[in-house]
C-alpha atoms as a PDB file:
ATOM      1  CA  MET A   1     -21.527  23.588  16.720  1.00  0.00           C
ATOM      2  CA  ALA A   2     -18.835  22.585  13.983  1.00  0.00           C
ATOM      3  CA  THR A   3     -17.349  25.218  12.517  1.00  0.00           C
ATOM      4  CA  ILE A   4     -17.723  24.792   8.375  1.00  0.00           C
ATOM      5  CA  THR A   5     -14.596  26.133   6.638  1.00  0.00           C
ATOM      6  CA  ALA A   6     -14.770  27.165   3.628  1.00  0.00           C
ATOM      7  CA  GLU A   7     -11.880  24.348   2.622  1.00  0.00           C
ATOM      8  CA  THR A   8     -14.160  21.491   3.898  1.00  0.00           C
ATOM      9  CA  VAL A   9     -17.012  23.188   1.581  1.00  0.00           C
ATOM     10  CA  LYS A  10     -15.178  23.540  -1.858  1.00  0.00           C
ATOM     11  CA  LYS A  11     -14.187  19.812  -1.151  1.00  0.00           C
ATOM     12  CA  LEU A  12     -17.678  19.064  -1.054  1.00  0.00           C
ATOM     13  CA  ARG A  13     -18.296  20.909  -4.072  1.00  0.00           C
ATOM     14  CA  ASP A  14     -15.636  18.736  -5.227  1.00  0.00           C
ATOM     15  CA  MET A  15     -17.213  15.922  -4.624  1.00  0.00           C
ATOM     16  CA  THR A  16     -20.661  16.643  -5.410  1.00  0.00           C
ATOM     17  CA  ASP A  17     -20.457  19.299  -8.005  1.00  0.00           C
ATOM     18  CA  ARG A  18     -23.331  20.649  -6.093  1.00  0.00           C
ATOM     19  CA  PRO A  19     -23.438  24.785  -5.009  1.00  0.00           C
ATOM     20  CA  MET A  20     -21.393  25.912  -3.002  1.00  0.00           C
ATOM     21  CA  MET A  21     -24.885  27.223  -0.369  1.00  0.00           C
ATOM     22  CA  GLU A  22     -25.988  23.260  -0.658  1.00  0.00           C
ATOM     23  CA  CYS A  23     -22.570  21.777   0.562  1.00  0.00           C
ATOM     24  CA  LYS A  24     -22.456  24.748   3.073  1.00  0.00           C
ATOM     25  CA  ALA A  25     -26.092  23.432   4.168  1.00  0.00           C
ATOM     26  CA  ALA A  26     -25.194  19.962   4.103  1.00  0.00           C
ATOM     27  CA  LEU A  27     -22.202  20.335   6.191  1.00  0.00           C
ATOM     28  CA  THR A  28     -24.126  22.405   9.111  1.00  0.00           C
ATOM     29  CA  GLU A  29     -26.857  19.676   8.546  1.00  0.00           C
ATOM     30  CA  ALA A  30     -24.136  16.640   9.252  1.00  0.00           C
ATOM     31  CA  GLU A  31     -21.797  19.034  11.794  1.00  0.00           C
ATOM     32  CA  GLY A  32     -19.229  19.095   9.686  1.00  0.00           C
ATOM     33  CA  ASP A  33     -19.063  15.304   8.767  1.00  0.00           C
ATOM     34  CA  LEU A  34     -18.132  15.042   4.827  1.00  0.00           C
ATOM     35  CA  GLN A  35     -19.231  11.432   4.698  1.00  0.00           C
ATOM     36  CA  LYS A  36     -22.853  12.617   5.888  1.00  0.00           C
ATOM     37  CA  ALA A  37     -22.794  15.180   4.338  1.00  0.00           C
ATOM     38  CA  VAL A  38     -22.058  13.339   1.086  1.00  0.00           C
ATOM     39  CA  LYS A  39     -25.220  10.740   2.103  1.00  0.00           C
ATOM     40  CA  ILE A  40     -27.593  13.791   2.689  1.00  0.00           C
ATOM     41  CA  LEU A  41     -26.893  15.126  -0.884  1.00  0.00           C
ATOM     42  CA  ARG A  42     -27.771  11.931  -2.076  1.00  0.00           C
ATOM     43  CA  GLU A  43     -30.464  11.255  -0.456  1.00  0.00           C
ATOM     44  CA  LYS A  44     -31.805  14.887  -1.857  1.00  0.00           C
ATOM     45  CA  ASN A  45     -30.775  14.330  -4.854  1.00  0.00           C
ATOM     46  CA  SER A  46     -32.791  10.450  -4.803  1.00  0.00           C
ATOM     47  CA  LYS A  47     -35.813  12.959  -3.440  1.00  0.00           C
ATOM     48  CA  ILE A  48     -35.640  15.235  -6.434  1.00  0.00           C
ATOM     49  CA  MET A  49     -34.944  12.178  -8.930  1.00  0.00           C
ATOM     50  CA  ALA A  50     -38.223  11.082  -7.412  1.00  0.00           C
ATOM     51  CA  GLY A  51     -40.456  14.555  -7.627  1.00  0.00           C
ATOM     52  CA  LYS A  52     -39.237  13.963 -11.536  1.00  0.00           C
ATOM     53  CA  ALA A  53     -40.042  10.606 -12.397  1.00  0.00           C
ATOM     54  CA  GLU A  54     -43.053  11.174 -13.626  1.00  0.00           C
ATOM     55  CA  ARG A  55     -42.269  13.934 -16.382  1.00  0.00           C
ATOM     56  CA  GLU A  56     -41.384  12.897 -19.937  1.00  0.00           C
ATOM     57  CA  THR A  57     -38.188  11.815 -21.381  1.00  0.00           C
ATOM     58  CA  ALA A  58     -38.721  12.451 -25.061  1.00  0.00           C
ATOM     59  CA  GLU A  59     -34.720  13.878 -25.389  1.00  0.00           C
ATOM     60  CA  GLY A  60     -31.271  11.678 -24.291  1.00  0.00           C
ATOM     61  CA  ARG A  61     -28.327  10.214 -25.654  1.00  0.00           C
ATOM     62  CA  ILE A  62     -26.523   7.134 -27.031  1.00  0.00           C
ATOM     63  CA  GLY A  63     -23.225   6.199 -25.080  1.00  0.00           C
ATOM     64  CA  ILE A  64     -20.904   3.611 -26.106  1.00  0.00           C
ATOM     65  CA  ALA A  65     -17.481   2.820 -24.576  1.00  0.00           C
ATOM     66  CA  ILE A  66     -14.965  -0.692 -25.261  1.00  0.00           C
ATOM     67  CA  HIS A  67     -12.579  -2.398 -23.457  1.00  0.00           C
ATOM     68  CA  PRO A  68     -10.456  -4.301 -25.321  1.00  0.00           C
ATOM     69  CA  ALA A  69      -8.638  -5.884 -22.934  1.00  0.00           C
ATOM     70  CA  THR A  70     -11.212  -7.561 -21.630  1.00  0.00           C
ATOM     71  CA  GLN A  71     -12.719  -7.421 -25.295  1.00  0.00           C
ATOM     72  CA  THR A  72     -16.685  -6.362 -24.174  1.00  0.00           C
ATOM     73  CA  ALA A  73     -18.286  -3.232 -25.914  1.00  0.00           C
ATOM     74  CA  ALA A  74     -21.519  -1.426 -24.238  1.00  0.00           C
ATOM     75  CA  ILE A  75     -24.254   1.068 -25.852  1.00  0.00           C
ATOM     76  CA  ILE A  76     -26.844   2.132 -23.305  1.00  0.00           C
ATOM     77  CA  GLU A  77     -29.707   4.688 -24.346  1.00  0.00           C
ATOM     78  CA  VAL A  78     -30.149   7.211 -21.458  1.00  0.00           C
ATOM     79  CA  ARG A  79     -32.813   9.823 -21.919  1.00  0.00           C
ATOM     80  CA  CYS A  80     -33.445  13.249 -19.836  1.00  0.00           C
ATOM     81  CA  GLU A  81     -36.110  16.444 -20.739  1.00  0.00           C
ATOM     82  CA  SER A  82     -34.600  18.271 -23.312  1.00  0.00           C
ATOM     83  CA  ALA A  83     -33.037  18.862 -25.892  1.00  0.00           C
ATOM     84  CA  PRO A  84     -30.099  21.212 -24.078  1.00  0.00           C
ATOM     85  CA  VAL A  85     -29.372  18.948 -21.206  1.00  0.00           C
ATOM     86  CA  ALA A  86     -29.153  15.970 -23.893  1.00  0.00           C
ATOM     87  CA  LYS A  87     -25.995  18.129 -24.907  1.00  0.00           C
ATOM     88  CA  SER A  88     -24.767  19.419 -22.058  1.00  0.00           C
ATOM     89  CA  ASP A  89     -21.052  18.219 -19.926  1.00  0.00           C
ATOM     90  CA  ALA A  90     -22.696  16.748 -17.410  1.00  0.00           C
ATOM     91  CA  PHE A  91     -25.196  14.492 -19.011  1.00  0.00           C
ATOM     92  CA  MET A  92     -22.495  13.673 -21.767  1.00  0.00           C
ATOM     93  CA  LYS A  93     -20.381  12.255 -18.900  1.00  0.00           C
ATOM     94  CA  LEU A  94     -23.205  10.209 -16.930  1.00  0.00           C
ATOM     95  CA  VAL A  95     -23.627   8.694 -20.663  1.00  0.00           C
ATOM     96  CA  ASP A  96     -20.183   7.978 -20.938  1.00  0.00           C
ATOM     97  CA  ASP A  97     -19.697   6.604 -16.746  1.00  0.00           C
ATOM     98  CA  LEU A  98     -22.727   4.256 -17.156  1.00  0.00           C
ATOM     99  CA  ALA A  99     -21.551   2.885 -20.788  1.00  0.00           C
ATOM    100  CA  GLU A 100     -17.489   2.479 -19.358  1.00  0.00           C
ATOM    101  CA  HIS A 101     -19.098   0.521 -16.180  1.00  0.00           C
ATOM    102  CA  LEU A 102     -20.914  -2.315 -18.488  1.00  0.00           C
ATOM    103  CA  THR A 103     -17.594  -3.040 -19.943  1.00  0.00           C
ATOM    104  CA  LEU A 104     -15.659  -3.030 -16.481  1.00  0.00           C
ATOM    105  CA  THR A 105     -18.685  -4.979 -14.472  1.00  0.00           C
ATOM    106  CA  ALA A 106     -17.850  -8.893 -14.190  1.00  0.00           C
ATOM    107  CA  THR A 107     -21.601  -8.935 -13.074  1.00  0.00           C
ATOM    108  CA  ALA A 108     -23.567  -8.277 -16.494  1.00  0.00           C
ATOM    109  CA  PRO A 109     -26.936  -7.525 -15.663  1.00  0.00           C
ATOM    110  CA  SER A 110     -29.760  -8.606 -16.738  1.00  0.00           C
ATOM    111  CA  SER A 111     -31.837  -5.195 -16.403  1.00  0.00           C
ATOM    112  CA  VAL A 112     -32.301  -1.721 -16.062  1.00  0.00           C
ATOM    113  CA  GLU A 113     -33.357  -2.071 -12.568  1.00  0.00           C
ATOM    114  CA  GLU A 114     -30.477  -4.977 -11.825  1.00  0.00           C
ATOM    115  CA  LEU A 115     -27.991  -2.098 -13.604  1.00  0.00           C
ATOM    116  CA  LEU A 116     -29.428   0.916 -11.127  1.00  0.00           C
ATOM    117  CA  GLN A 117     -28.498  -1.349  -8.246  1.00  0.00           C
ATOM    118  CA  GLN A 118     -24.855  -1.768  -9.011  1.00  0.00           C
ATOM    119  CA  PRO A 119     -22.193  -0.236  -7.121  1.00  0.00           C
ATOM    120  CA  LEU A 120     -20.210   2.641 -10.068  1.00  0.00           C
ATOM    121  CA  GLN A 121     -17.340   0.481 -10.846  1.00  0.00           C
ATOM    122  CA  GLN A 122     -15.209   4.239 -11.050  1.00  0.00           C
ATOM    123  CA  LYS A 123     -16.835   4.821  -7.579  1.00  0.00           C
ATOM    124  CA  PRO A 124     -17.725   1.953  -5.967  1.00  0.00           C
ATOM    125  CA  SER A 125     -19.215   3.720  -2.776  1.00  0.00           C
ATOM    126  CA  MET A 126     -21.989   5.523  -4.903  1.00  0.00           C
ATOM    127  CA  THR A 127     -24.764   3.207  -6.979  1.00  0.00           C
ATOM    128  CA  ILE A 128     -24.971   3.546 -10.751  1.00  0.00           C
ATOM    129  CA  ASN A 129     -29.516   4.615  -9.687  1.00  0.00           C
ATOM    130  CA  GLU A 130     -27.337   7.713  -7.349  1.00  0.00           C
ATOM    131  CA  ARG A 131     -24.846   8.601 -10.359  1.00  0.00           C
ATOM    132  CA  VAL A 132     -28.232   8.998 -12.236  1.00  0.00           C
ATOM    133  CA  ALA A 133     -29.434  10.963  -9.295  1.00  0.00           C
ATOM    134  CA  GLU A 134     -26.422  13.016  -8.985  1.00  0.00           C
ATOM    135  CA  VAL A 135     -26.595  14.819 -12.269  1.00  0.00           C
ATOM    136  CA  VAL A 136     -30.530  14.868 -11.649  1.00  0.00           C
ATOM    137  CA  GLY A 137     -29.726  16.849  -8.456  1.00  0.00           C
ATOM    138  CA  ILE A 138     -27.462  19.684 -10.768  1.00  0.00           C
ATOM    139  CA  ILE A 139     -29.398  19.612 -14.160  1.00  0.00           C
ATOM    140  CA  ARG A 140     -33.059  19.188 -12.302  1.00  0.00           C
ATOM    141  CA  GLU A 141     -34.535  16.904 -15.594  1.00  0.00           C
ATOM    142  CA  ASN A 142     -36.138  13.923 -15.534  1.00  0.00           C
ATOM    143  CA  MET A 143     -33.936  11.165 -16.440  1.00  0.00           C
ATOM    144  CA  LYS A 144     -33.620   7.239 -17.309  1.00  0.00           C
ATOM    145  CA  VAL A 145     -31.775   4.536 -18.036  1.00  0.00           C
ATOM    146  CA  ALA A 146     -33.788   3.390 -21.312  1.00  0.00           C
ATOM    147  CA  ARG A 147     -32.400   0.237 -22.591  1.00  0.00           C
ATOM    148  CA  PHE A 148     -28.494  -1.154 -22.300  1.00  0.00           C
ATOM    149  CA  LYS A 149     -26.394  -4.321 -24.128  1.00  0.00           C
ATOM    150  CA  ILE A 150     -23.516  -5.760 -23.654  1.00  0.00           C
ATOM    151  CA  LEU A 151     -21.027  -7.706 -26.338  1.00  0.00           C
ATOM    152  CA  GLN A 152     -17.890  -9.880 -26.062  1.00  0.00           C
ATOM    153  CA  GLY A 153     -15.576 -11.550 -28.311  1.00  0.00           C
ATOM    154  CA  GLY A 154     -13.599  -9.943 -30.856  1.00  0.00           C
ATOM    155  CA  HIS A 155     -12.603  -6.563 -32.138  1.00  0.00           C
ATOM    156  CA  PHE A 156     -15.752  -3.717 -32.031  1.00  0.00           C
ATOM    157  CA  GLY A 157     -16.160  -0.877 -34.247  1.00  0.00           C
ATOM    158  CA  LYS A 158     -18.427   2.516 -32.947  1.00  0.00           C
ATOM    159  CA  TYR A 159     -19.794   5.258 -33.838  1.00  0.00           C
ATOM    160  CA  VAL A 160     -22.456   7.548 -32.552  1.00  0.00           C
ATOM    161  CA  HIS A 161     -23.506  11.040 -34.205  1.00  0.00           C
ATOM    162  CA  PHE A 162     -22.364  14.193 -33.360  1.00  0.00           C
ATOM    163  CA  ASP A 163     -25.489  14.915 -31.809  1.00  0.00           C
ATOM    164  CA  GLY A 164     -25.627  11.450 -29.174  1.00  0.00           C
ATOM    165  CA  SER A 165     -29.483  10.568 -30.945  1.00  0.00           C
ATOM    166  CA  VAL A 166     -27.880   7.803 -32.566  1.00  0.00           C
ATOM    167  CA  GLY A 167     -25.220   5.309 -32.154  1.00  0.00           C
ATOM    168  CA  VAL A 168     -23.391   1.758 -33.883  1.00  0.00           C
ATOM    169  CA  VAL A 169     -21.774  -0.799 -32.421  1.00  0.00           C
ATOM    170  CA  LEU A 170     -19.859  -3.670 -34.225  1.00  0.00           C
ATOM    171  CA  GLN A 171     -18.640  -7.090 -33.486  1.00  0.00           C
ATOM    172  CA  VAL A 172     -16.552  -8.629 -35.943  1.00  0.00           C
ATOM    173  CA  GLU A 173     -13.679 -11.540 -35.578  1.00  0.00           C
ATOM    174  CA  GLY A 174     -10.205 -11.909 -36.790  1.00  0.00           C
ATOM    175  CA  GLU A 175      -7.210 -11.432 -36.415  1.00  0.00           C
ATOM    176  CA  THR A 176      -6.742  -8.204 -36.334  1.00  0.00           C
ATOM    177  CA  ALA A 177      -9.489  -5.192 -37.011  1.00  0.00           C
ATOM    178  CA  ASP A 178      -8.634  -1.578 -38.738  1.00  0.00           C
ATOM    179  CA  ASP A 179     -10.933   0.615 -36.067  1.00  0.00           C
ATOM    180  CA  GLU A 180     -11.098   3.138 -38.790  1.00  0.00           C
ATOM    181  CA  LEU A 181     -12.432   0.671 -41.400  1.00  0.00           C
ATOM    182  CA  LEU A 182     -14.740  -0.646 -38.479  1.00  0.00           C
ATOM    183  CA  LYS A 183     -15.989   3.705 -37.637  1.00  0.00           C
ATOM    184  CA  ASP A 184     -16.655   3.675 -41.121  1.00  0.00           C
ATOM    185  CA  ILE A 185     -19.617   0.681 -41.406  1.00  0.00           C
ATOM    186  CA  CYS A 186     -21.048   2.041 -38.230  1.00  0.00           C
ATOM    187  CA  MET A 187     -21.275   4.883 -40.204  1.00  0.00           C
ATOM    188  CA  HIS A 188     -22.777   2.706 -42.896  1.00  0.00           C
ATOM    189  CA  ILE A 189     -25.385   1.224 -40.524  1.00  0.00           C
ATOM    190  CA  THR A 190     -26.699   4.166 -38.973  1.00  0.00           C
ATOM    191  CA  ALA A 191     -27.028   5.622 -42.546  1.00  0.00           C
ATOM    192  CA  LYS A 192     -28.697   2.849 -44.213  1.00  0.00           C
ATOM    193  CA  GLN A 193     -30.324   1.152 -41.135  1.00  0.00           C
ATOM    194  CA  PRO A 194     -30.039  -2.763 -42.229  1.00  0.00           C
ATOM    195  CA  ILE A 195     -32.009  -5.181 -40.188  1.00  0.00           C
ATOM    196  CA  ALA A 196     -29.381  -8.018 -39.691  1.00  0.00           C
ATOM    197  CA  VAL A 197     -25.739  -8.817 -40.963  1.00  0.00           C
ATOM    198  CA  HIS A 198     -26.937 -12.310 -42.890  1.00  0.00           C
ATOM    199  CA  ARG A 199     -30.036 -13.076 -44.585  1.00  0.00           C
ATOM    200  CA  ASP A 200     -30.532 -16.120 -42.383  1.00  0.00           C
ATOM    201  CA  ALA A 201     -30.514 -13.785 -39.356  1.00  0.00           C
ATOM    202  CA  ILE A 202     -33.919 -12.392 -40.267  1.00  0.00           C
ATOM    203  CA  ASP A 203     -37.032 -13.953 -38.779  1.00  0.00           C
ATOM    204  CA  PRO A 204     -38.978 -16.011 -41.978  1.00  0.00           C
ATOM    205  CA  LYS A 205     -42.147 -14.412 -40.925  1.00  0.00           C
ATOM    206  CA  VAL A 206     -40.350 -10.916 -41.790  1.00  0.00           C
ATOM    207  CA  ILE A 207     -39.316 -12.504 -44.871  1.00  0.00           C
ATOM    208  CA  GLU A 208     -42.709 -13.732 -45.589  1.00  0.00           C
ATOM    209  CA  ASN A 209     -44.316 -11.109 -44.894  1.00  0.00           C
ATOM    210  CA  GLU A 210     -41.944  -8.900 -47.495  1.00  0.00           C
ATOM    211  CA  LYS A 211     -43.335 -11.681 -49.977  1.00  0.00           C
ATOM    212  CA  GLU A 212     -46.695 -11.469 -49.345  1.00  0.00           C
ATOM    213  CA  ILE A 213     -46.265  -7.384 -49.947  1.00  0.00           C
ATOM    214  CA  ALA A 214     -44.627  -7.650 -53.007  1.00  0.00           C
ATOM    215  CA  ARG A 215     -47.089 -10.344 -54.241  1.00  0.00           C
ATOM    216  CA  ALA A 216     -49.882  -7.936 -53.297  1.00  0.00           C
ATOM    217  CA  GLN A 217     -48.077  -5.403 -55.957  1.00  0.00           C
ATOM    218  CA  ILE A 218     -47.761  -7.387 -58.557  1.00  0.00           C
ATOM    219  CA  ALA A 219     -50.854  -8.376 -59.063  1.00  0.00           C
ATOM    220  CA  ALA A 220     -51.912  -4.432 -57.966  1.00  0.00           C
ATOM    221  CA  ASP A 221     -49.460  -3.717 -61.535  1.00  0.00           C
ATOM    222  CA  PRO A 222     -51.957  -3.974 -65.117  1.00  0.00           C
ATOM    223  CA  LYS A 223     -48.922  -5.724 -66.832  1.00  0.00           C
ATOM    224  CA  ASN A 224     -49.199  -8.498 -64.973  1.00  0.00           C
ATOM    225  CA  GLN A 225     -52.712  -9.315 -65.646  1.00  0.00           C
ATOM    226  CA  GLY A 226     -52.939 -12.688 -67.091  1.00  0.00           C
ATOM    227  CA  LYS A 227     -49.274 -14.263 -66.430  1.00  0.00           C
ATOM    228  CA  PRO A 228     -48.615 -17.551 -65.520  1.00  0.00           C
ATOM    229  CA  ALA A 229     -47.956 -18.138 -61.919  1.00  0.00           C
ATOM    230  CA  ASN A 230     -44.363 -19.107 -61.977  1.00  0.00           C
ATOM    231  CA  ILE A 231     -43.457 -16.081 -63.378  1.00  0.00           C
ATOM    232  CA  VAL A 232     -45.892 -14.220 -61.484  1.00  0.00           C
ATOM    233  CA  GLU A 233     -43.361 -16.317 -58.259  1.00  0.00           C
ATOM    234  CA  LYS A 234     -39.995 -15.062 -60.639  1.00  0.00           C
ATOM    235  CA  ILE A 235     -41.228 -11.448 -60.139  1.00  0.00           C
ATOM    236  CA  MET A 236     -41.702 -11.717 -56.401  1.00  0.00           C
ATOM    237  CA  GLU A 237     -38.334 -13.546 -55.800  1.00  0.00           C
ATOM    238  CA  GLY A 238     -36.408 -10.719 -57.756  1.00  0.00           C
ATOM    239  CA  LYS A 239     -38.465  -8.488 -55.620  1.00  0.00           C
ATOM    240  CA  ILE A 240     -37.371 -10.337 -52.625  1.00  0.00           C
ATOM    241  CA  LYS A 241     -33.975 -10.576 -53.732  1.00  0.00           C
ATOM    242  CA  THR A 242     -33.823  -6.771 -54.267  1.00  0.00           C
ATOM    243  CA  TRP A 243     -35.358  -6.313 -50.729  1.00  0.00           C
ATOM    244  CA  LEU A 244     -32.849  -8.240 -48.975  1.00  0.00           C
ATOM    245  CA  GLN A 245     -29.927  -6.847 -50.895  1.00  0.00           C
ATOM    246  CA  GLU A 246     -31.652  -3.096 -49.618  1.00  0.00           C
ATOM    247  CA  ASN A 247     -31.869  -4.638 -45.790  1.00  0.00           C
ATOM    248  CA  VAL A 248     -28.832  -6.764 -45.006  1.00  0.00           C
ATOM    249  CA  LEU A 249     -25.451  -4.932 -44.111  1.00  0.00           C
ATOM    250  CA  ILE A 250     -23.249  -7.188 -45.970  1.00  0.00           C
ATOM    251  CA  ASP A 251     -25.127  -7.468 -49.141  1.00  0.00           C
ATOM    252  CA  GLN A 252     -25.367  -3.298 -49.319  1.00  0.00           C
ATOM    253  CA  PRO A 253     -23.066  -1.432 -51.542  1.00  0.00           C
ATOM    254  CA  PHE A 254     -20.942   0.456 -48.757  1.00  0.00           C
ATOM    255  CA  VAL A 255     -22.232   4.439 -48.550  1.00  0.00           C
ATOM    256  CA  LYS A 256     -18.764   5.430 -49.453  1.00  0.00           C
ATOM    257  CA  ASP A 257     -17.747   3.593 -52.148  1.00  0.00           C
ATOM    258  CA  ASP A 258     -21.318   2.189 -54.012  1.00  0.00           C
ATOM    259  CA  THR A 259     -18.922   0.042 -55.933  1.00  0.00           C
ATOM    260  CA  LYS A 260     -18.162  -2.696 -53.330  1.00  0.00           C
ATOM    261  CA  THR A 261     -20.677  -4.137 -51.015  1.00  0.00           C
ATOM    262  CA  VAL A 262     -20.354  -4.175 -47.305  1.00  0.00           C
ATOM    263  CA  ASP A 263     -19.359  -8.098 -47.341  1.00  0.00           C
ATOM    264  CA  GLN A 264     -15.778  -7.100 -50.359  1.00  0.00           C
ATOM    265  CA  LEU A 265     -14.549  -5.027 -47.900  1.00  0.00           C
ATOM    266  CA  LEU A 266     -14.750  -6.671 -44.882  1.00  0.00           C
ATOM    267  CA  LYS A 267     -13.203  -9.699 -46.668  1.00  0.00           C
ATOM    268  CA  ALA A 268     -10.702  -7.857 -48.507  1.00  0.00           C
ATOM    269  CA  ALA A 269      -9.962  -7.006 -44.644  1.00  0.00           C
ATOM    270  CA  LYS A 270     -10.147 -10.540 -43.380  1.00  0.00           C
ATOM    271  CA  LEU A 271     -12.720  -9.809 -41.324  1.00  0.00           C
ATOM    272  CA  THR A 272     -16.538 -11.696 -40.326  1.00  0.00           C
ATOM    273  CA  PRO A 273     -18.481  -9.648 -38.998  1.00  0.00           C
ATOM    274  CA  LYS A 274     -21.229 -11.556 -36.314  1.00  0.00           C
ATOM    275  CA  THR A 275     -23.390  -9.083 -35.404  1.00  0.00           C
ATOM    276  CA  PHE A 276     -24.023  -5.030 -34.587  1.00  0.00           C
ATOM    277  CA  ILE A 277     -26.566  -3.015 -32.574  1.00  0.00           C
ATOM    278  CA  ARG A 278     -28.215   0.307 -33.615  1.00  0.00           C
ATOM    279  CA  PHE A 279     -29.758   2.662 -30.956  1.00  0.00           C
ATOM    280  CA  ARG A 280     -31.636   5.363 -31.739  1.00  0.00           C
ATOM    281  CA  VAL A 281     -33.160   7.574 -29.178  1.00  0.00           C
ATOM    282  CA  GLY A 282     -36.966   6.723 -28.489  1.00  0.00           C
ATOM    283  CA  GLU A 283     -36.832   4.100 -30.534  1.00  0.00           C
ATOM    284  CA  LEU A 284     -37.920   0.310 -29.496  1.00  0.00           C
ATOM    285  CA  SER A 285     -35.866  -1.710 -31.200  1.00  0.00           C
ATOM    286  CA  SER A 286     -31.717  -2.734 -31.527  1.00  0.00           C
ATOM    287  CA  ASN A 287     -31.534  -1.819 -35.224  1.00  0.00           C
END
């Protein structure tokens, strides 16, 4: 039987962040072979992960990474079971690692399943799935990647709320960009929840639905009884105009200075907004 030294156990612990006794047991099973011991621990992590796969993941965190050199930004939602774990160092590091991976990989994954099979860019000896399983093995809670998006080209701003529950990434075009301004606009998006950058980016079906709601409201108001159809239509158009101002990013009054719109701020900075992505933990849509 190979002699398992304290130094080897510590080295395995540094590599895997697992408890000393588990590291010693893995090394004993691997007869002192460090790489085999790593594999044994990863297999155990996978079994732990599989055993917890059906448990509900109602909590989680949003992570955002920006890689200026490749003009790439990524936003990701990773879920866990409890709020304390969502705020733990190990879980926050996992989320940050996965977001960074998405900005570094040469092959953008088209699905969560494809992402999980990719080698982790920061540590190609393990897959994304193994990285998630590693943290599951340490914390013993179910965790899963819920969704992600990647943006390329231009400049980016980002903001993640202090508890990680909401995150926004903003993509703009222009020669130079003020990071603080872009962060402020991302904070604005977090608070005001616009549904699109421009009016023409809104699905016509959504606008038509809002028109029907407006017509129903007008018809229900006794003050409008007997008014000509063209007047009713103008009232409806006014309601839609107000609705658009409230829901289109560039038309919204800036949350920190409502004397200016977001459009005015961006134009003053010689920036053109392209798109934004807003993730809230647990939501199905990005905005």
